[in-house]
C-alpha atoms as a PDB file:
ATOM      1  CA  UNK A   1       9.023 -11.805  -1.891  1.00  0.00           C
ATOM      2  CA  UNK A   2      10.492  -9.755  -4.686  1.00  0.00           C
ATOM      3  CA  UNK A   3      11.046  -6.017  -4.223  1.00  0.00           C
ATOM      4  CA  UNK A   4      10.474  -3.544  -7.041  1.00  0.00           C
ATOM      5  CA  UNK A   5      13.507  -1.340  -6.308  1.00  0.00           C
ATOM      6  CA  UNK A   6      12.721   1.149  -9.074  1.00  0.00           C
ATOM      7  CA  UNK A   7       9.205   1.715  -7.767  1.00  0.00           C
ATOM      8  CA  UNK A   8      10.440   2.185  -4.191  1.00  0.00           C
ATOM      9  CA  UNK A   9      13.088   4.702  -5.257  1.00  0.00           C
ATOM     10  CA  UNK A  10      10.536   6.715  -7.238  1.00  0.00           C
ATOM     11  CA  UNK A  11       7.775   6.577  -4.602  1.00  0.00           C
ATOM     12  CA  UNK A  12       9.041   7.496  -1.174  1.00  0.00           C
ATOM     13  CA  UNK A  13       6.540   7.709   1.666  1.00  0.00           C
ATOM     14  CA  UNK A  14       6.539  11.282   3.023  1.00  0.00           C
ATOM     15  CA  UNK A  15       8.089  11.541   6.511  1.00  0.00           C
ATOM     16  CA  UNK A  16       4.994  13.102   8.031  1.00  0.00           C
ATOM     17  CA  UNK A  17       2.444  11.392   5.804  1.00  0.00           C
ATOM     18  CA  UNK A  18      -1.210  11.935   6.547  1.00  0.00           C
ATOM     19  CA  UNK A  19      -3.476   8.917   6.793  1.00  0.00           C
ATOM     20  CA  UNK A  20      -4.804   9.656   3.300  1.00  0.00           C
ATOM     21  CA  UNK A  21      -1.239   9.744   1.940  1.00  0.00           C
ATOM     22  CA  UNK A  22      -0.424   6.489   3.740  1.00  0.00           C
ATOM     23  CA  UNK A  23      -3.520   4.767   2.352  1.00  0.00           C
ATOM     24  CA  UNK A  24      -2.740   5.973  -1.165  1.00  0.00           C
ATOM     25  CA  UNK A  25       0.909   4.897  -0.927  1.00  0.00           C
ATOM     26  CA  UNK A  26       0.096   1.422   0.395  1.00  0.00           C
ATOM     27  CA  UNK A  27      -2.564   0.794  -2.255  1.00  0.00           C
ATOM     28  CA  UNK A  28      -0.170   1.828  -5.015  1.00  0.00           C
ATOM     29  CA  UNK A  29       2.589  -0.198  -3.384  1.00  0.00           C
ATOM     30  CA  UNK A  30       0.441  -3.333  -3.287  1.00  0.00           C
ATOM     31  CA  UNK A  31      -0.271  -2.931  -7.008  1.00  0.00           C
ATOM     32  CA  UNK A  32       3.390  -2.410  -7.963  1.00  0.00           C
ATOM     33  CA  UNK A  33       5.550  -4.375  -5.546  1.00  0.00           C
ATOM     34  CA  UNK A  34       5.292  -7.742  -3.843  1.00  0.00           C
ATOM     35  CA  UNK A  35       7.857  -7.167  -1.096  1.00  0.00           C
ATOM     36  CA  UNK A  36       5.332  -7.203   1.762  1.00  0.00           C
ATOM     37  CA  UNK A  37       1.665  -7.261   2.647  1.00  0.00           C
ATOM     38  CA  UNK A  38      -0.411  -4.196   3.519  1.00  0.00           C
ATOM     39  CA  UNK A  39       0.054  -3.512   7.263  1.00  0.00           C
ATOM     40  CA  UNK A  40      -2.860  -4.426   9.554  1.00  0.00           C
ATOM     41  CA  UNK A  41      -3.378  -0.780  10.601  1.00  0.00           C
ATOM     42  CA  UNK A  42      -3.846   0.246   6.968  1.00  0.00           C
ATOM     43  CA  UNK A  43      -6.211  -2.672   6.336  1.00  0.00           C
ATOM     44  CA  UNK A  44      -8.296  -1.639   9.356  1.00  0.00           C
ATOM     45  CA  UNK A  45      -8.460   1.966   8.158  1.00  0.00           C
ATOM     46  CA  UNK A  46      -9.553   0.880   4.674  1.00  0.00           C
ATOM     47  CA  UNK A  47     -12.281  -1.288   6.215  1.00  0.00           C
ATOM     48  CA  UNK A  48     -13.355   1.547   8.543  1.00  0.00           C
ATOM     49  CA  UNK A  49     -13.784   3.758   5.475  1.00  0.00           C
ATOM     50  CA  UNK A  50     -15.859   1.102   3.730  1.00  0.00           C
ATOM     51  CA  UNK A  51     -13.146   0.391   1.153  1.00  0.00           C
ATOM     52  CA  UNK A  52     -12.181  -3.034  -0.087  1.00  0.00           C
ATOM     53  CA  UNK A  53      -8.797  -4.297   1.030  1.00  0.00           C
ATOM     54  CA  UNK A  54      -7.036  -5.522  -2.104  1.00  0.00           C
ATOM     55  CA  UNK A  55      -5.753  -9.065  -2.304  1.00  0.00           C
ATOM     56  CA  UNK A  56      -2.819 -10.195  -4.449  1.00  0.00           C
ATOM     57  CA  UNK A  57      -5.287 -11.875  -6.784  1.00  0.00           C
ATOM     58  CA  UNK A  58      -7.452  -8.743  -7.152  1.00  0.00           C
ATOM     59  CA  UNK A  59      -4.401  -6.692  -8.117  1.00  0.00           C
ATOM     60  CA  UNK A  60      -3.545  -8.856 -11.147  1.00  0.00           C
END
């Protein structure tokens, strides 16, 4: 998978990120970089909050 180096350099995950910050970062990451999938723990948290887990197709 291709990494968007510019996006990663400009959007660092905070060291002590809250769950809300982690969710926000991973959703933005999925929309801007294809280097990896959303981690299972983040997917579970999105589902627990009644949010839709994005798919690569839904992000296009």
